[in-house]
Each structure stands twice: as structure tokens, then as C-alpha cells.
C-alpha atoms as a PDB file:
ATOM      1  CA  UNK A   1      -0.016  -0.209   0.415  1.00  0.00           C
ATOM      2  CA  UNK A   2       2.672   2.324   0.382  1.00  0.00           C
ATOM      3  CA  UNK A   3       4.123   2.192  -2.808  1.00  0.00           C
ATOM      4  CA  UNK A   4       0.737   2.337  -4.218  1.00  0.00           C
ATOM      5  CA  UNK A   5       0.150   5.573  -2.315  1.00  0.00           C
ATOM      6  CA  UNK A   6       3.807   6.804  -3.367  1.00  0.00           C
ATOM      7  CA  UNK A   7       2.728   6.370  -7.150  1.00  0.00           C
ATOM      8  CA  UNK A   8      -0.869   7.878  -6.775  1.00  0.00           C
ATOM      9  CA  UNK A   9       0.401  11.262  -5.098  1.00  0.00           C
ATOM     10  CA  UNK A  10       3.467  11.403  -7.506  1.00  0.00           C
ATOM     11  CA  UNK A  11       1.359  10.787 -10.328  1.00  0.00           C
ATOM     12  CA  UNK A  12      -1.474  13.527  -8.599  1.00  0.00           C
ATOM     13  CA  UNK A  13       1.561  15.779  -7.934  1.00  0.00           C
ATOM     14  CA  UNK A  14       3.175  15.853 -11.724  1.00  0.00           C
ATOM     15  CA  UNK A  15      -0.492  16.328 -13.254  1.00  0.00           C
ATOM     16  CA  UNK A  16      -0.844  19.563 -11.208  1.00  0.00           C
ATOM     17  CA  UNK A  17       2.273  20.378 -12.033  1.00  0.00           C
ATOM     18  CA  UNK A  18       1.902  20.010 -15.806  1.00  0.00           C
ATOM     19  CA  UNK A  19      -1.552  21.637 -15.513  1.00  0.00           C
ATOM     20  CA  UNK A  20       0.625  24.793 -14.577  1.00  0.00           C
ATOM     21  CA  UNK A  21       2.621  24.989 -18.181  1.00  0.00           C
ATOM     22  CA  UNK A  22       0.876  26.801 -20.766  1.00  0.00           C
ATOM     23  CA  UNK A  23       2.605  24.854 -23.376  1.00  0.00           C
ATOM     24  CA  UNK A  24       1.007  21.300 -22.089  1.00  0.00           C
ATOM     25  CA  UNK A  25      -2.386  23.091 -21.696  1.00  0.00           C
ATOM     26  CA  UNK A  26      -2.474  24.164 -25.011  1.00  0.00           C
ATOM     27  CA  UNK A  27      -1.101  21.059 -26.592  1.00  0.00           C
ATOM     28  CA  UNK A  28      -3.611  18.596 -24.320  1.00  0.00           C
ATOM     29  CA  UNK A  29      -6.697  20.879 -25.529  1.00  0.00           C
ATOM     30  CA  UNK A  30      -5.964  21.333 -29.101  1.00  0.00           C
ATOM     31  CA  UNK A  31      -4.089  18.637 -30.644  1.00  0.00           C
ATOM     32  CA  UNK A  32      -6.553  15.866 -29.805  1.00  0.00           C
ATOM     33  CA  UNK A  33      -9.232  18.288 -31.167  1.00  0.00           C
ATOM     34  CA  UNK A  34      -7.238  18.835 -34.564  1.00  0.00           C
ATOM     35  CA  UNK A  35      -6.423  15.286 -35.005  1.00  0.00           C
ATOM     36  CA  UNK A  36     -10.255  14.020 -34.271  1.00  0.00           C
ATOM     37  CA  UNK A  37     -11.330  16.527 -37.127  1.00  0.00           C
ATOM     38  CA  UNK A  38      -8.637  15.298 -39.578  1.00  0.00           C
ATOM     39  CA  UNK A  39      -9.641  11.665 -38.988  1.00  0.00           C
ATOM     40  CA  UNK A  40     -13.426  12.328 -39.311  1.00  0.00           C
ATOM     41  CA  UNK A  41     -13.021  14.056 -42.646  1.00  0.00           C
ATOM     42  CA  UNK A  42     -10.748  11.461 -43.803  1.00  0.00           C
ATOM     43  CA  UNK A  43     -13.151   8.592 -43.206  1.00  0.00           C
ATOM     44  CA  UNK A  44     -16.110  10.817 -44.228  1.00  0.00           C
ATOM     45  CA  UNK A  45     -14.383  11.136 -47.714  1.00  0.00           C
ATOM     46  CA  UNK A  46     -13.359   7.575 -47.781  1.00  0.00           C
ATOM     47  CA  UNK A  47     -15.403   4.275 -48.631  1.00  0.00           C
ATOM     48  CA  UNK A  48     -16.505   3.495 -44.993  1.00  0.00           C
ATOM     49  CA  UNK A  49     -18.174   6.602 -43.119  1.00  0.00           C
ATOM     50  CA  UNK A  50     -19.761   4.578 -40.973  1.00  0.00           C
ATOM     51  CA  UNK A  51     -16.564   3.906 -39.419  1.00  0.00           C
ATOM     52  CA  UNK A  52     -16.317   7.778 -38.230  1.00  0.00           C
ATOM     53  CA  UNK A  53     -16.524   6.518 -34.287  1.00  0.00           C
ATOM     54  CA  UNK A  54     -13.609   4.292 -34.744  1.00  0.00           C
ATOM     55  CA  UNK A  55     -11.882   7.353 -36.226  1.00  0.00           C
ATOM     56  CA  UNK A  56     -12.951   9.619 -33.290  1.00  0.00           C
ATOM     57  CA  UNK A  57     -11.668   6.885 -30.836  1.00  0.00           C
ATOM     58  CA  UNK A  58      -8.607   6.218 -33.103  1.00  0.00           C
ATOM     59  CA  UNK A  59      -7.586   9.740 -32.706  1.00  0.00           C
ATOM     60  CA  UNK A  60      -8.159   9.880 -29.063  1.00  0.00           C
ATOM     61  CA  UNK A  61      -5.771   6.916 -28.477  1.00  0.00           C
ATOM     62  CA  UNK A  62      -3.374   8.789 -31.048  1.00  0.00           C
ATOM     63  CA  UNK A  63      -3.309  11.763 -28.332  1.00  0.00           C
ATOM     64  CA  UNK A  64      -2.799   9.688 -25.658  1.00  0.00           C
ATOM     65  CA  UNK A  65       0.320   8.086 -27.467  1.00  0.00           C
ATOM     66  CA  UNK A  66       1.853  11.549 -28.019  1.00  0.00           C
ATOM     67  CA  UNK A  67       1.344  12.780 -24.437  1.00  0.00           C
ATOM     68  CA  UNK A  68       3.064   9.758 -23.464  1.00  0.00           C
ATOM     69  CA  UNK A  69       5.818   9.858 -25.989  1.00  0.00           C
ATOM     70  CA  UNK A  70       6.669  13.415 -25.341  1.00  0.00           C
ATOM     71  CA  UNK A  71       5.879  13.372 -21.437  1.00  0.00           C
ATOM     72  CA  UNK A  72       8.496  10.221 -20.957  1.00  0.00           C
ATOM     73  CA  UNK A  73      11.003  11.619 -23.205  1.00  0.00           C
ATOM     74  CA  UNK A  74      11.193  14.601 -21.598  1.00  0.00           C
ATOM     75  CA  UNK A  75      10.779  13.040 -17.570  1.00  0.00           C
ATOM     76  CA  UNK A  76      14.258  12.997 -16.982  1.00  0.00           C
ATOM     77  CA  UNK A  77      15.468  15.696 -18.817  1.00  0.00           C
ATOM     78  CA  UNK A  78      12.609  18.215 -16.891  1.00  0.00           C
ATOM     79  CA  UNK A  79      14.119  17.153 -13.963  1.00  0.00           C
ATOM     80  CA  UNK A  80      17.312  18.067 -14.753  1.00  0.00           C
ATOM     81  CA  UNK A  81      16.361  21.647 -15.943  1.00  0.00           C
ATOM     82  CA  UNK A  82      14.272  22.087 -12.562  1.00  0.00           C
ATOM     83  CA  UNK A  83      17.307  21.173 -10.157  1.00  0.00           C
ATOM     84  CA  UNK A  84      14.949  18.453  -8.800  1.00  0.00           C
ATOM     85  CA  UNK A  85      16.709  15.327 -10.544  1.00  0.00           C
ATOM     86  CA  UNK A  86      19.428  14.928  -7.926  1.00  0.00           C
ATOM     87  CA  UNK A  87      17.039  15.167  -5.083  1.00  0.00           C
ATOM     88  CA  UNK A  88      15.117  12.306  -6.711  1.00  0.00           C
ATOM     89  CA  UNK A  89      17.907  10.153  -7.233  1.00  0.00           C
ATOM     90  CA  UNK A  90      18.963  10.476  -3.339  1.00  0.00           C
ATOM     91  CA  UNK A  91      15.366   8.904  -2.168  1.00  0.00           C
ATOM     92  CA  UNK A  92      15.637   5.592  -0.888  1.00  0.00           C
ATOM     93  CA  UNK A  93      13.476   4.635  -3.280  1.00  0.00           C
ATOM     94  CA  UNK A  94      14.320   2.705  -6.460  1.00  0.00           C
ATOM     95  CA  UNK A  95      14.468   5.327  -9.295  1.00  0.00           C
ATOM     96  CA  UNK A  96      12.223   3.554 -11.362  1.00  0.00           C
ATOM     97  CA  UNK A  97       9.794   4.262  -8.551  1.00  0.00           C
ATOM     98  CA  UNK A  98      10.173   7.888  -8.578  1.00  0.00           C
ATOM     99  CA  UNK A  99      10.557   8.281 -12.389  1.00  0.00           C
ATOM    100  CA  UNK A 100       6.899   6.306 -13.086  1.00  0.00           C
ATOM    101  CA  UNK A 101       4.479   8.742 -11.442  1.00  0.00           C
ATOM    102  CA  UNK A 102       5.634  11.329 -14.278  1.00  0.00           C
ATOM    103  CA  UNK A 103       5.307   8.656 -17.217  1.00  0.00           C
ATOM    104  CA  UNK A 104       1.757   7.655 -15.430  1.00  0.00           C
ATOM    105  CA  UNK A 105       0.890  11.443 -15.374  1.00  0.00           C
ATOM    106  CA  UNK A 106       1.373  11.971 -19.201  1.00  0.00           C
ATOM    107  CA  UNK A 107      -0.806   9.412 -19.846  1.00  0.00           C
ATOM    108  CA  UNK A 108      -3.647  10.363 -17.568  1.00  0.00           C
ATOM    109  CA  UNK A 109      -3.496  13.795 -19.250  1.00  0.00           C
ATOM    110  CA  UNK A 110      -4.250  12.097 -22.335  1.00  0.00           C
ATOM    111  CA  UNK A 111      -7.461  10.815 -20.815  1.00  0.00           C
ATOM    112  CA  UNK A 112      -8.833  14.108 -21.698  1.00  0.00           C
ATOM    113  CA  UNK A 113      -7.696  13.408 -25.272  1.00  0.00           C
ATOM    114  CA  UNK A 114      -9.924  10.354 -25.484  1.00  0.00           C
ATOM    115  CA  UNK A 115     -13.055  12.216 -23.784  1.00  0.00           C
ATOM    116  CA  UNK A 116     -12.527  15.181 -26.035  1.00  0.00           C
ATOM    117  CA  UNK A 117     -12.327  13.793 -29.195  1.00  0.00           C
ATOM    118  CA  UNK A 118     -15.418  11.787 -28.490  1.00  0.00           C
ATOM    119  CA  UNK A 119     -17.178  14.438 -27.420  1.00  0.00           C
ATOM    120  CA  UNK A 120     -15.902  16.939 -30.216  1.00  0.00           C
ATOM    121  CA  UNK A 121     -17.134  13.989 -32.869  1.00  0.00           C
ATOM    122  CA  UNK A 122     -20.637  13.815 -31.491  1.00  0.00           C
ATOM    123  CA  UNK A 123     -21.034  17.741 -30.626  1.00  0.00           C
ATOM    124  CA  UNK A 124     -20.090  19.207 -34.151  1.00  0.00           C
ATOM    125  CA  UNK A 125     -20.408  16.212 -36.309  1.00  0.00           C
ATOM    126  CA  UNK A 126     -23.016  14.138 -35.025  1.00  0.00           C
ATOM    127  CA  UNK A 127     -21.416  10.980 -34.712  1.00  0.00           C
ATOM    128  CA  UNK A 128     -23.575   9.051 -32.932  1.00  0.00           C
ATOM    129  CA  UNK A 129     -21.868   7.663 -30.132  1.00  0.00           C
ATOM    130  CA  UNK A 130     -23.348   4.099 -29.823  1.00  0.00           C
ATOM    131  CA  UNK A 131     -20.689   2.316 -27.706  1.00  0.00           C
ATOM    132  CA  UNK A 132     -21.328  -1.842 -27.877  1.00  0.00           C
ATOM    133  CA  UNK A 133     -19.818  -2.943 -24.393  1.00  0.00           C
ATOM    134  CA  UNK A 134     -19.752   0.628 -22.508  1.00  0.00           C
ATOM    135  CA  UNK A 135     -18.317  -1.589 -19.071  1.00  0.00           C
ATOM    136  CA  UNK A 136     -15.559  -2.727 -21.263  1.00  0.00           C
ATOM    137  CA  UNK A 137     -15.146   0.818 -22.598  1.00  0.00           C
ATOM    138  CA  UNK A 138     -14.951   2.322 -19.077  1.00  0.00           C
ATOM    139  CA  UNK A 139     -12.467  -0.646 -17.771  1.00  0.00           C
ATOM    140  CA  UNK A 140     -10.141  -0.722 -21.053  1.00  0.00           C
ATOM    141  CA  UNK A 141      -9.495   3.110 -21.252  1.00  0.00           C
ATOM    142  CA  UNK A 142      -7.920   3.546 -18.160  1.00  0.00           C
ATOM    143  CA  UNK A 143      -6.114  -0.057 -18.375  1.00  0.00           C
ATOM    144  CA  UNK A 144      -4.683   1.170 -21.708  1.00  0.00           C
ATOM    145  CA  UNK A 145      -3.533   4.146 -20.328  1.00  0.00           C
ATOM    146  CA  UNK A 146      -1.777   2.548 -17.245  1.00  0.00           C
ATOM    147  CA  UNK A 147      -0.297   0.166 -19.382  1.00  0.00           C
ATOM    148  CA  UNK A 148       1.177   3.394 -21.782  1.00  0.00           C
ATOM    149  CA  UNK A 149       2.326   4.618 -18.898  1.00  0.00           C
ATOM    150  CA  UNK A 150       4.300   1.421 -17.986  1.00  0.00           C
ATOM    151  CA  UNK A 151       5.655   1.676 -21.371  1.00  0.00           C
ATOM    152  CA  UNK A 152       6.400   5.295 -21.006  1.00  0.00           C
ATOM    153  CA  UNK A 153       8.856   4.267 -18.230  1.00  0.00           C
ATOM    154  CA  UNK A 154      10.764   2.309 -20.571  1.00  0.00           C
ATOM    155  CA  UNK A 155      11.008   4.986 -23.110  1.00  0.00           C
ATOM    156  CA  UNK A 156      12.078   7.469 -19.952  1.00  0.00           C
ATOM    157  CA  UNK A 157      14.905   5.262 -19.366  1.00  0.00           C
ATOM    158  CA  UNK A 158      16.375   4.746 -22.450  1.00  0.00           C
ATOM    159  CA  UNK A 159      16.080   8.231 -23.593  1.00  0.00           C
ATOM    160  CA  UNK A 160      18.353   9.034 -20.936  1.00  0.00           C
ATOM    161  CA  UNK A 161      21.267   7.791 -23.016  1.00  0.00           C
ATOM    162  CA  UNK A 162      20.219   9.814 -26.137  1.00  0.00           C
ATOM    163  CA  UNK A 163      21.543  13.322 -26.555  1.00  0.00           C
ATOM    164  CA  UNK A 164      18.297  14.690 -28.372  1.00  0.00           C
ATOM    165  CA  UNK A 165      15.612  13.051 -27.292  1.00  0.00           C
ATOM    166  CA  UNK A 166      12.860  15.384 -28.818  1.00  0.00           C
ATOM    167  CA  UNK A 167      14.734  14.207 -31.940  1.00  0.00           C
ATOM    168  CA  UNK A 168      13.646  10.579 -31.217  1.00  0.00           C
ATOM    169  CA  UNK A 169      10.548  11.446 -30.009  1.00  0.00           C
ATOM    170  CA  UNK A 170       9.409  13.089 -33.396  1.00  0.00           C
ATOM    171  CA  UNK A 171      10.669   9.985 -35.475  1.00  0.00           C
ATOM    172  CA  UNK A 172       8.485   7.722 -33.478  1.00  0.00           C
ATOM    173  CA  UNK A 173       5.145   9.103 -33.004  1.00  0.00           C
ATOM    174  CA  UNK A 174       3.863   8.766 -36.250  1.00  0.00           C
ATOM    175  CA  UNK A 175       5.088   5.511 -37.079  1.00  0.00           C
ATOM    176  CA  UNK A 176       4.069   3.833 -33.956  1.00  0.00           C
ATOM    177  CA  UNK A 177       0.518   5.190 -33.958  1.00  0.00           C
ATOM    178  CA  UNK A 178       0.717   3.971 -37.968  1.00  0.00           C
ATOM    179  CA  UNK A 179       1.876   0.147 -37.328  1.00  0.00           C
ATOM    180  CA  UNK A 180      -0.073  -0.032 -33.908  1.00  0.00           C
ATOM    181  CA  UNK A 181      -3.594   0.395 -36.155  1.00  0.00           C
ATOM    182  CA  UNK A 182      -4.648   3.331 -34.245  1.00  0.00           C
ATOM    183  CA  UNK A 183      -6.494   4.893 -37.296  1.00  0.00           C
ATOM    184  CA  UNK A 184      -5.303   2.802 -40.172  1.00  0.00           C
ATOM    185  CA  UNK A 185      -6.419  -0.906 -39.997  1.00  0.00           C
ATOM    186  CA  UNK A 186      -3.349  -3.081 -39.513  1.00  0.00           C
ATOM    187  CA  UNK A 187      -4.215  -5.614 -42.739  1.00  0.00           C
ATOM    188  CA  UNK A 188      -3.878  -2.626 -45.309  1.00  0.00           C
ATOM    189  CA  UNK A 189       0.035  -2.168 -43.982  1.00  0.00           C
ATOM    190  CA  UNK A 190       3.072  -4.314 -45.690  1.00  0.00           C
ATOM    191  CA  UNK A 191       3.054  -7.702 -44.003  1.00  0.00           C
ATOM    192  CA  UNK A 192       6.726  -7.274 -42.073  1.00  0.00           C
ATOM    193  CA  UNK A 193       5.107  -4.469 -40.193  1.00  0.00           C
ATOM    194  CA  UNK A 194       2.952  -7.364 -38.439  1.00  0.00           C
ATOM    195  CA  UNK A 195       5.446  -8.553 -35.937  1.00  0.00           C
ATOM    196  CA  UNK A 196       6.659  -5.077 -34.892  1.00  0.00           C
ATOM    197  CA  UNK A 197       2.959  -3.715 -34.076  1.00  0.00           C
ATOM    198  CA  UNK A 198       2.484  -7.145 -32.301  1.00  0.00           C
ATOM    199  CA  UNK A 199       5.525  -6.223 -29.916  1.00  0.00           C
ATOM    200  CA  UNK A 200       3.773  -2.740 -29.047  1.00  0.00           C
ATOM    201  CA  UNK A 201       1.473  -2.618 -25.983  1.00  0.00           C
ATOM    202  CA  UNK A 202       0.331   0.717 -28.238  1.00  0.00           C
ATOM    203  CA  UNK A 203      -1.484  -2.010 -30.649  1.00  0.00           C
ATOM    204  CA  UNK A 204      -2.813  -3.897 -28.210  1.00  0.00           C
ATOM    205  CA  UNK A 205      -4.188  -0.982 -25.968  1.00  0.00           C
ATOM    206  CA  UNK A 206      -5.614   0.488 -29.574  1.00  0.00           C
ATOM    207  CA  UNK A 207      -7.089  -2.778 -30.299  1.00  0.00           C
ATOM    208  CA  UNK A 208      -8.740  -3.250 -26.803  1.00  0.00           C
ATOM    209  CA  UNK A 209     -10.498   0.098 -27.037  1.00  0.00           C
ATOM    210  CA  UNK A 210     -11.545  -0.438 -30.424  1.00  0.00           C
ATOM    211  CA  UNK A 211     -13.360  -3.557 -29.582  1.00  0.00           C
ATOM    212  CA  UNK A 212     -15.062  -2.272 -26.709  1.00  0.00           C
ATOM    213  CA  UNK A 213     -16.554   0.425 -29.102  1.00  0.00           C
ATOM    214  CA  UNK A 214     -17.361  -1.668 -32.166  1.00  0.00           C
ATOM    215  CA  UNK A 215     -17.905  -5.146 -30.443  1.00  0.00           C
ATOM    216  CA  UNK A 216     -15.921  -6.572 -33.058  1.00  0.00           C
ATOM    217  CA  UNK A 217     -13.942  -8.978 -30.820  1.00  0.00           C
ATOM    218  CA  UNK A 218     -13.252 -10.103 -27.289  1.00  0.00           C
ATOM    219  CA  UNK A 219     -11.790  -6.731 -25.402  1.00  0.00           C
ATOM    220  CA  UNK A 220     -10.130  -8.820 -22.546  1.00  0.00           C
ATOM    221  CA  UNK A 221      -7.434 -10.827 -24.411  1.00  0.00           C
ATOM    222  CA  UNK A 222      -6.517  -7.503 -26.119  1.00  0.00           C
ATOM    223  CA  UNK A 223      -6.112  -5.686 -22.867  1.00  0.00           C
ATOM    224  CA  UNK A 224      -4.554  -8.783 -21.022  1.00  0.00           C
ATOM    225  CA  UNK A 225      -2.010  -8.987 -23.943  1.00  0.00           C
ATOM    226  CA  UNK A 226      -1.196  -5.115 -23.450  1.00  0.00           C
ATOM    227  CA  UNK A 227      -0.989  -5.130 -19.664  1.00  0.00           C
ATOM    228  CA  UNK A 228       1.419  -7.989 -20.103  1.00  0.00           C
ATOM    229  CA  UNK A 229       3.565  -6.314 -22.336  1.00  0.00           C
ATOM    230  CA  UNK A 230       3.666  -3.152 -20.867  1.00  0.00           C
ATOM    231  CA  UNK A 231       4.457  -4.888 -17.219  1.00  0.00           C
ATOM    232  CA  UNK A 232       7.444  -6.423 -19.390  1.00  0.00           C
ATOM    233  CA  UNK A 233       8.350  -2.602 -20.521  1.00  0.00           C
ATOM    234  CA  UNK A 234       8.282  -1.618 -16.927  1.00  0.00           C
ATOM    235  CA  UNK A 235      10.716  -4.422 -15.761  1.00  0.00           C
ATOM    236  CA  UNK A 236      13.110  -3.460 -18.294  1.00  0.00           C
ATOM    237  CA  UNK A 237      12.833   0.179 -17.670  1.00  0.00           C
ATOM    238  CA  UNK A 238      13.512  -0.362 -14.352  1.00  0.00           C
ATOM    239  CA  UNK A 239      16.527  -1.971 -14.870  1.00  0.00           C
ATOM    240  CA  UNK A 240      18.029   0.286 -16.886  1.00  0.00           C
ATOM    241  CA  UNK A 241      17.039   3.200 -14.848  1.00  0.00           C
ATOM    242  CA  UNK A 242      18.870   1.645 -12.229  1.00  0.00           C
ATOM    243  CA  UNK A 243      21.874   0.973 -14.547  1.00  0.00           C
ATOM    244  CA  UNK A 244      21.953   4.746 -15.572  1.00  0.00           C
ATOM    245  CA  UNK A 245      21.920   5.817 -12.171  1.00  0.00           C
ATOM    246  CA  UNK A 246      24.946   3.941 -11.004  1.00  0.00           C
ATOM    247  CA  UNK A 247      26.867   4.819 -14.114  1.00  0.00           C
ATOM    248  CA  UNK A 248      25.771   8.431 -13.207  1.00  0.00           C
ATOM    249  CA  UNK A 249      26.802   8.464  -9.874  1.00  0.00           C
ATOM    250  CA  UNK A 250      30.106   6.725 -10.570  1.00  0.00           C
ATOM    251  CA  UNK A 251      30.709   9.125 -13.194  1.00  0.00           C
ATOM    252  CA  UNK A 252      29.509  12.243 -11.372  1.00  0.00           C
ATOM    253  CA  UNK A 253      27.227  13.472 -14.236  1.00  0.00           C
ATOM    254  CA  UNK A 254      23.855  12.827 -12.943  1.00  0.00           C
ATOM    255  CA  UNK A 255      23.014  16.669 -13.847  1.00  0.00           C
ATOM    256  CA  UNK A 256      24.599  16.567 -17.356  1.00  0.00           C
ATOM    257  CA  UNK A 257      24.014  13.040 -18.852  1.00  0.00           C
END
């Protein structure tokens, strides 16, 4: 319970901190609406306009992924700029347990993206919000966000070793949501992208949420696979974070690299 309270309080703290940033607020408010608008017009102009609800949900997942990617990529760097990284690493808790609330907070703020895209599509474009399995949808969205938060810890730990994490973020944003099938069906992609998508928790998170909306498949297996892969990412991220901390302490470069 102590660990749960630590993660919960840390997540709440970082959500409040992000809410004080004008850049974070502007990005969270407008990017999901732009992505939802583009998705709706693309599907409306295509041969399957009846899938616009899936487009709205896919745009929401895209915004969640963007929030996790850039928030995780800048998690360590932001603490370094604020001068709090040293205090975090001096804590008796494992470093991964202190960074995980940051990555989870970025995923939690992405919850707004899902709600905003659905409301935007329903109110502006009159998309009927006929969710096939409302209970499964209510469960799958927070679970998918938790899974992406765990995946974010692995990203945060590996991005410490990258001189310019922002460049990597820009390179990963669109390819990952493309191979994950958030907006474009995986079946229309080249065959070699299948194994890549199957190894990413984003693929199974998007599939679980989409299945809960359309009723086209079982939600719980997809959600279970998402959480299993995310848990593996959490373990790997914790190991990498401990290695990076030890190396930084030995070289006295914690605040530098």
C-alpha cells in the first residue's frame, strides 16, 4: 500500500505541475481536436463513412500516445532543468519508482484526449456515440492508459542515453501509431509491420478500446496482452533506470547526462 500511495501521490503531483504549463495546456486542449477533425474528414471522404466513431476513438488513442511519448521523453530532462533530479535520485526508493509517476501522469492527462475527441465528434459532427460494450470501454480506457504509462517508463529510461530525445520523439510518433493500427487498419499495411506492431503495447491498447466500441472482438484478451507487454516494459525500464543511475553516480554526471 505504501508503494501504491507513493505512485498515486506522485502522479497527482505531476498532473498538477503539468496543469501549470501553458504549453502543456495548449497541446492537451487543441491537438486532440485537430487530430479528431482530420480523422473524421478522412473517413467521411473514404468508402467507409460508418466507421467515423472508430476514427474518433483512434484519434483519441493517437493523442494519448503523443502525450506519453513526449512526456516520457522529457521526464528526466525536465527534472534536470528544474534542479530536482538529484533530490529524486537521493531518495531511498528505487529510481524507477520515482520516475514512473511522471510517465503515468502524462498518460493520465491523455484521458482528456479520449473524452474530447468523442465529445467533439458527437457535438460537432453528429457522430452517434453508440458504444457496443460501455462497461468494457470504461475499463479498457484506464487500463490502456496505465499500460502506456508503464511503457513510458521504458522510453524515459532509454531516452536518458540519447543526446537529443526530442528528435527521437518526433521520429517515433507517427510510425508507432501507424503500425499500431490506431487509425489505419493493420491489414492494409505491409506484412513486415505485423511483428513490430504485435510487440508494442500500443497495438493491443488500441485494439482493446476499439473492440469495446465496435463489439467486433473480445476485449479482455487484447487488454490482457497490452498489460502483459507493458509490465515487461516496466521491468526492463526499471533495470535500465538503475543502470543509468549507477553509471551517472560513478561518473558524477547525474545533472549532465
